[in-house]
Amino acid sequence: MTTRQLKVGRQLQKDIGEIIQRQGMAAYGGALLTVMGVEMSPDLSFAKVVLSVFPSNKIAEVKSLINEKVIRNELGRRVKNQLRIVPELAFVFDTSLDYVENIDRLLKENPVKNQDE
C-alpha cells in the first residue's frame, strides 16, 4: 500500500466514524459500531470499510440498517476539497470478537491441566 492510500484511509476512517457517531446508536438498533479500518484501492475510487459491531449478535440487523448512500453523501461533503472523487464504500464486518469469545468460552469449559502433575 502506498503512503497516499494509507493517509486517505486513515482520514476516511476518522470521518466515517464521526458520521456514524453523529447518527447515534438508535439508528443501528442500539448496536455500537466502531470503524476498525479502511482499505483503499490504488486509484482511491473504492474503500473497504471494516466495522465492528457490539453486541455481535446484531450484525445482521446493522447490515440491513446501514445506509451506504447517506454515509457516502456526507463523506463527500467532508472530503470535497481533498479528493477528486468520493470513493465507493463497501462495508465488511469484523467477527474477531466472536472468535475471541468462543476461545474464552472453550478454555473455561475445558481448563488446561498443568503438565507437572
N, C-alpha and C. Protein backbone atom coordinates (compact mmCIF):
# COMPACT_ATOMS: atom_id res chain seq x y z
N MET A 1 0.84 -1.19 0.00
CA MET A 1 0.00 0.00 0.00
C MET A 1 0.88 1.25 0.00
N THR A 2 0.45 2.23 -0.74
CA THR A 2 1.22 3.47 -0.81
C THR A 2 0.91 4.36 0.39
N THR A 3 1.78 5.33 0.60
CA THR A 3 1.58 6.28 1.69
C THR A 3 0.27 7.04 1.48
N ARG A 4 -0.01 7.39 0.24
CA ARG A 4 -1.25 8.13 -0.07
C ARG A 4 -2.47 7.29 0.30
N GLN A 5 -2.48 6.02 -0.06
CA GLN A 5 -3.59 5.15 0.28
C GLN A 5 -3.78 5.07 1.80
N LEU A 6 -2.69 4.95 2.52
CA LEU A 6 -2.78 4.86 3.98
C LEU A 6 -3.32 6.15 4.58
N LYS A 7 -2.82 7.30 4.11
CA LYS A 7 -3.28 8.58 4.64
C LYS A 7 -4.76 8.81 4.35
N VAL A 8 -5.18 8.53 3.12
CA VAL A 8 -6.59 8.71 2.76
C VAL A 8 -7.45 7.74 3.56
N GLY A 9 -6.98 6.51 3.72
CA GLY A 9 -7.72 5.52 4.50
C GLY A 9 -7.92 5.94 5.94
N ARG A 10 -6.87 6.48 6.56
CA ARG A 10 -6.98 6.95 7.95
C ARG A 10 -7.96 8.11 8.06
N GLN A 11 -7.91 9.03 7.09
CA GLN A 11 -8.83 10.17 7.12
C GLN A 11 -10.27 9.71 6.95
N LEU A 12 -10.50 8.78 6.02
CA LEU A 12 -11.86 8.27 5.81
C LEU A 12 -12.34 7.51 7.04
N GLN A 13 -11.44 6.77 7.69
CA GLN A 13 -11.81 6.05 8.92
C GLN A 13 -12.31 7.04 9.97
N LYS A 14 -11.59 8.12 10.14
CA LYS A 14 -11.97 9.15 11.11
C LYS A 14 -13.32 9.78 10.73
N ASP A 15 -13.46 10.16 9.45
CA ASP A 15 -14.68 10.83 9.01
C ASP A 15 -15.90 9.91 9.08
N ILE A 16 -15.76 8.67 8.64
CA ILE A 16 -16.89 7.73 8.69
C ILE A 16 -17.27 7.44 10.13
N GLY A 17 -16.27 7.32 11.01
CA GLY A 17 -16.55 7.12 12.43
C GLY A 17 -17.35 8.26 13.02
N GLU A 18 -17.00 9.49 12.65
CA GLU A 18 -17.75 10.65 13.15
C GLU A 18 -19.16 10.68 12.58
N ILE A 19 -19.32 10.31 11.33
CA ILE A 19 -20.65 10.27 10.71
C ILE A 19 -21.54 9.26 11.43
N ILE A 20 -21.01 8.07 11.65
CA ILE A 20 -21.78 7.02 12.35
C ILE A 20 -22.08 7.45 13.78
N GLN A 21 -21.11 8.07 14.44
CA GLN A 21 -21.32 8.52 15.82
C GLN A 21 -22.43 9.57 15.88
N ARG A 22 -22.45 10.48 14.91
CA ARG A 22 -23.47 11.53 14.91
C ARG A 22 -24.87 10.94 14.68
N GLN A 23 -24.94 9.86 13.89
CA GLN A 23 -26.24 9.22 13.66
C GLN A 23 -26.76 8.57 14.93
N GLY A 24 -25.87 8.13 15.78
CA GLY A 24 -26.25 7.57 17.07
C GLY A 24 -26.54 6.08 17.04
N MET A 25 -26.51 5.48 18.23
CA MET A 25 -26.75 4.05 18.36
C MET A 25 -28.17 3.67 17.97
N ALA A 26 -29.12 4.57 18.17
CA ALA A 26 -30.52 4.28 17.86
C ALA A 26 -30.70 4.00 16.37
N ALA A 27 -29.90 4.63 15.53
CA ALA A 27 -30.00 4.42 14.08
C ALA A 27 -29.61 2.99 13.69
N TYR A 28 -28.90 2.30 14.56
CA TYR A 28 -28.43 0.95 14.27
C TYR A 28 -28.97 -0.07 15.27
N GLY A 29 -30.17 0.13 15.72
CA GLY A 29 -30.83 -0.83 16.59
C GLY A 29 -30.18 -0.96 17.95
N GLY A 30 -29.54 0.09 18.44
CA GLY A 30 -28.90 0.04 19.75
C GLY A 30 -27.52 -0.59 19.75
N ALA A 31 -27.01 -0.92 18.58
CA ALA A 31 -25.68 -1.53 18.50
C ALA A 31 -24.61 -0.44 18.47
N LEU A 32 -23.46 -0.76 19.01
CA LEU A 32 -22.32 0.14 19.00
C LEU A 32 -21.43 -0.23 17.82
N LEU A 33 -21.20 0.73 16.90
CA LEU A 33 -20.38 0.49 15.73
C LEU A 33 -19.03 1.17 15.89
N THR A 34 -17.99 0.48 15.49
CA THR A 34 -16.64 1.03 15.50
C THR A 34 -16.02 0.80 14.14
N VAL A 35 -15.43 1.84 13.57
CA VAL A 35 -14.74 1.70 12.29
C VAL A 35 -13.32 1.21 12.61
N MET A 36 -13.05 -0.04 12.30
CA MET A 36 -11.77 -0.66 12.63
C MET A 36 -10.67 -0.27 11.65
N GLY A 37 -11.05 0.01 10.42
CA GLY A 37 -10.05 0.38 9.42
C GLY A 37 -10.70 0.61 8.07
N VAL A 38 -9.94 1.23 7.17
CA VAL A 38 -10.39 1.47 5.81
C VAL A 38 -9.25 1.11 4.88
N GLU A 39 -9.52 0.23 3.92
CA GLU A 39 -8.52 -0.15 2.92
C GLU A 39 -8.91 0.49 1.59
N MET A 40 -7.97 1.23 1.02
CA MET A 40 -8.22 1.97 -0.22
C MET A 40 -7.67 1.21 -1.43
N SER A 41 -8.37 1.33 -2.57
CA SER A 41 -7.85 0.79 -3.82
C SER A 41 -6.72 1.70 -4.30
N PRO A 42 -5.87 1.21 -5.19
CA PRO A 42 -4.74 2.04 -5.65
C PRO A 42 -5.16 3.37 -6.30
N ASP A 43 -6.32 3.39 -6.97
CA ASP A 43 -6.77 4.64 -7.60
C ASP A 43 -7.67 5.47 -6.69
N LEU A 44 -7.84 5.04 -5.43
CA LEU A 44 -8.63 5.74 -4.41
C LEU A 44 -10.11 5.86 -4.77
N SER A 45 -10.60 5.00 -5.66
CA SER A 45 -12.01 5.07 -6.06
C SER A 45 -12.88 4.10 -5.27
N PHE A 46 -12.27 3.22 -4.48
CA PHE A 46 -13.01 2.21 -3.74
C PHE A 46 -12.42 2.09 -2.34
N ALA A 47 -13.30 2.02 -1.35
CA ALA A 47 -12.86 1.88 0.04
C ALA A 47 -13.59 0.72 0.71
N LYS A 48 -12.83 -0.19 1.29
CA LYS A 48 -13.42 -1.27 2.07
C LYS A 48 -13.37 -0.84 3.53
N VAL A 49 -14.55 -0.66 4.13
CA VAL A 49 -14.67 -0.16 5.50
C VAL A 49 -14.95 -1.35 6.42
N VAL A 50 -14.05 -1.58 7.37
CA VAL A 50 -14.20 -2.70 8.30
C VAL A 50 -14.87 -2.17 9.56
N LEU A 51 -16.05 -2.73 9.88
CA LEU A 51 -16.82 -2.31 11.05
C LEU A 51 -16.86 -3.41 12.08
N SER A 52 -16.81 -3.02 13.33
CA SER A 52 -17.00 -3.93 14.44
C SER A 52 -18.33 -3.56 15.08
N VAL A 53 -19.14 -4.57 15.39
CA VAL A 53 -20.46 -4.34 15.96
C VAL A 53 -20.53 -5.00 17.34
N PHE A 54 -20.99 -4.23 18.32
CA PHE A 54 -21.19 -4.77 19.66
C PHE A 54 -22.61 -4.49 20.11
N PRO A 55 -23.38 -5.43 20.54
CA PRO A 55 -23.08 -6.85 20.62
C PRO A 55 -23.08 -7.50 19.24
N SER A 56 -22.28 -8.52 19.09
CA SER A 56 -22.06 -9.13 17.77
C SER A 56 -23.30 -9.83 17.23
N ASN A 57 -24.28 -10.12 18.07
CA ASN A 57 -25.49 -10.77 17.56
C ASN A 57 -26.38 -9.80 16.78
N LYS A 58 -26.00 -8.52 16.72
CA LYS A 58 -26.77 -7.53 15.97
C LYS A 58 -26.17 -7.24 14.59
N ILE A 59 -25.19 -8.02 14.15
CA ILE A 59 -24.55 -7.76 12.86
C ILE A 59 -25.57 -7.80 11.72
N ALA A 60 -26.44 -8.79 11.71
CA ALA A 60 -27.44 -8.90 10.63
C ALA A 60 -28.36 -7.68 10.62
N GLU A 61 -28.76 -7.23 11.79
CA GLU A 61 -29.63 -6.06 11.89
C GLU A 61 -28.92 -4.80 11.39
N VAL A 62 -27.65 -4.65 11.77
CA VAL A 62 -26.89 -3.48 11.35
C VAL A 62 -26.69 -3.49 9.84
N LYS A 63 -26.45 -4.68 9.26
CA LYS A 63 -26.30 -4.78 7.80
C LYS A 63 -27.52 -4.24 7.09
N SER A 64 -28.70 -4.52 7.63
CA SER A 64 -29.92 -4.05 6.97
C SER A 64 -30.18 -2.57 7.24
N LEU A 65 -29.65 -2.03 8.33
CA LEU A 65 -29.90 -0.63 8.69
C LEU A 65 -28.89 0.35 8.13
N ILE A 66 -27.69 -0.12 7.82
CA ILE A 66 -26.65 0.81 7.37
C ILE A 66 -26.98 1.30 5.96
N ASN A 67 -26.93 2.61 5.80
CA ASN A 67 -27.29 3.22 4.52
C ASN A 67 -26.02 3.80 3.89
N GLU A 68 -25.45 3.03 2.94
CA GLU A 68 -24.19 3.44 2.33
C GLU A 68 -24.31 4.77 1.59
N LYS A 69 -25.47 5.01 0.98
CA LYS A 69 -25.64 6.24 0.21
C LYS A 69 -25.60 7.47 1.10
N VAL A 70 -26.25 7.41 2.25
CA VAL A 70 -26.26 8.54 3.18
C VAL A 70 -24.85 8.80 3.71
N ILE A 71 -24.15 7.74 4.08
CA ILE A 71 -22.79 7.89 4.61
C ILE A 71 -21.87 8.43 3.52
N ARG A 72 -21.98 7.92 2.30
CA ARG A 72 -21.12 8.38 1.20
C ARG A 72 -21.42 9.85 0.86
N ASN A 73 -22.70 10.22 0.91
CA ASN A 73 -23.08 11.61 0.63
C ASN A 73 -22.45 12.56 1.66
N GLU A 74 -22.58 12.22 2.93
CA GLU A 74 -21.99 13.04 3.99
C GLU A 74 -20.46 13.04 3.88
N LEU A 75 -19.90 11.91 3.55
CA LEU A 75 -18.45 11.81 3.38
C LEU A 75 -18.00 12.72 2.23
N GLY A 76 -18.79 12.79 1.18
CA GLY A 76 -18.48 13.65 0.04
C GLY A 76 -18.40 15.11 0.44
N ARG A 77 -19.29 15.53 1.32
CA ARG A 77 -19.26 16.91 1.79
C ARG A 77 -17.99 17.19 2.59
N ARG A 78 -17.52 16.20 3.32
CA ARG A 78 -16.34 16.39 4.17
C ARG A 78 -15.03 16.40 3.37
N VAL A 79 -14.96 15.60 2.31
CA VAL A 79 -13.69 15.44 1.59
C VAL A 79 -13.69 16.11 0.22
N LYS A 80 -14.68 16.93 -0.07
CA LYS A 80 -14.80 17.50 -1.41
C LYS A 80 -13.58 18.33 -1.82
N ASN A 81 -12.88 18.93 -0.88
CA ASN A 81 -11.72 19.75 -1.22
C ASN A 81 -10.41 18.96 -1.19
N GLN A 82 -10.48 17.70 -0.74
CA GLN A 82 -9.26 16.90 -0.62
C GLN A 82 -9.16 15.79 -1.65
N LEU A 83 -10.30 15.23 -2.07
CA LEU A 83 -10.29 14.13 -3.03
C LEU A 83 -11.04 14.53 -4.29
N ARG A 84 -10.52 14.04 -5.42
CA ARG A 84 -11.17 14.34 -6.69
C ARG A 84 -12.51 13.61 -6.81
N ILE A 85 -12.54 12.36 -6.38
CA ILE A 85 -13.79 11.59 -6.39
C ILE A 85 -14.03 11.02 -4.99
N VAL A 86 -15.29 10.85 -4.67
CA VAL A 86 -15.65 10.21 -3.40
C VAL A 86 -15.66 8.71 -3.66
N PRO A 87 -14.90 7.94 -2.91
CA PRO A 87 -14.81 6.50 -3.19
C PRO A 87 -16.13 5.77 -2.91
N GLU A 88 -16.34 4.71 -3.70
CA GLU A 88 -17.44 3.79 -3.41
C GLU A 88 -17.11 3.10 -2.09
N LEU A 89 -18.12 2.86 -1.27
CA LEU A 89 -17.90 2.24 0.04
C LEU A 89 -18.46 0.82 0.06
N ALA A 90 -17.70 -0.09 0.61
CA ALA A 90 -18.17 -1.45 0.85
C ALA A 90 -17.91 -1.74 2.33
N PHE A 91 -18.97 -2.09 3.04
CA PHE A 91 -18.86 -2.35 4.47
C PHE A 91 -18.70 -3.84 4.71
N VAL A 92 -17.67 -4.21 5.45
CA VAL A 92 -17.47 -5.59 5.88
C VAL A 92 -17.43 -5.59 7.41
N PHE A 93 -17.83 -6.70 7.97
CA PHE A 93 -17.98 -6.76 9.43
C PHE A 93 -16.93 -7.67 10.05
N ASP A 94 -16.26 -7.16 11.05
CA ASP A 94 -15.21 -7.86 11.77
C ASP A 94 -15.86 -8.81 12.77
N THR A 95 -15.50 -10.08 12.67
CA THR A 95 -16.07 -11.07 13.59
C THR A 95 -15.03 -11.61 14.56
N SER A 96 -13.93 -10.91 14.72
CA SER A 96 -12.87 -11.40 15.60
C SER A 96 -13.32 -11.45 17.06
N LEU A 97 -14.26 -10.56 17.46
CA LEU A 97 -14.76 -10.62 18.84
C LEU A 97 -15.48 -11.94 19.10
N ASP A 98 -16.24 -12.43 18.13
CA ASP A 98 -16.90 -13.73 18.28
C ASP A 98 -15.87 -14.83 18.46
N TYR A 99 -14.81 -14.75 17.68
CA TYR A 99 -13.75 -15.75 17.74
C TYR A 99 -13.10 -15.76 19.12
N VAL A 100 -12.79 -14.57 19.64
CA VAL A 100 -12.17 -14.45 20.96
C VAL A 100 -13.12 -14.97 22.05
N GLU A 101 -14.40 -14.60 21.95
CA GLU A 101 -15.38 -15.06 22.95
C GLU A 101 -15.50 -16.58 22.92
N ASN A 102 -15.48 -17.17 21.72
CA ASN A 102 -15.60 -18.62 21.60
C ASN A 102 -14.39 -19.32 22.21
N ILE A 103 -13.20 -18.81 21.95
CA ILE A 103 -11.99 -19.40 22.55
C ILE A 103 -12.03 -19.27 24.07
N ASP A 104 -12.45 -18.12 24.57
CA ASP A 104 -12.55 -17.90 26.01
C ASP A 104 -13.54 -18.89 26.63
N ARG A 105 -14.67 -19.07 25.98
CA ARG A 105 -15.69 -20.00 26.47
C ARG A 105 -15.14 -21.43 26.50
N LEU A 106 -14.44 -21.82 25.42
CA LEU A 106 -13.88 -23.16 25.36
C LEU A 106 -12.82 -23.39 26.44
N LEU A 107 -12.01 -22.38 26.70
CA LEU A 107 -10.99 -22.51 27.74
C LEU A 107 -11.61 -22.63 29.13
N LYS A 108 -12.71 -21.94 29.35
CA LYS A 108 -13.38 -22.03 30.66
C LYS A 108 -14.04 -23.39 30.84
N GLU A 109 -14.58 -23.94 29.74
CA GLU A 109 -15.23 -25.26 29.82
C GLU A 109 -14.21 -26.38 30.00
N ASN A 110 -13.06 -26.27 29.35
CA ASN A 110 -12.04 -27.31 29.37
C ASN A 110 -10.70 -26.72 29.81
N PRO A 111 -10.53 -26.50 31.10
CA PRO A 111 -9.28 -25.89 31.55
C PRO A 111 -8.08 -26.79 31.23
N VAL A 112 -6.98 -26.15 30.88
CA VAL A 112 -5.75 -26.88 30.57
C VAL A 112 -5.11 -27.32 31.89
N LYS A 113 -4.75 -28.61 31.95
CA LYS A 113 -4.14 -29.13 33.18
C LYS A 113 -2.65 -28.85 33.16
N ASN A 114 -2.11 -28.66 34.32
CA ASN A 114 -0.68 -28.40 34.48
C ASN A 114 0.09 -29.66 34.11
N GLN A 115 1.14 -29.53 33.29
CA GLN A 115 1.89 -30.68 32.82
C GLN A 115 2.79 -31.26 33.89
N ASP A 116 3.03 -30.56 34.98
CA ASP A 116 3.89 -31.04 36.05
C ASP A 116 3.18 -32.12 36.88
N GLU A 117 1.89 -32.21 36.77
CA GLU A 117 1.12 -33.16 37.60
C GLU A 117 1.21 -34.56 37.07
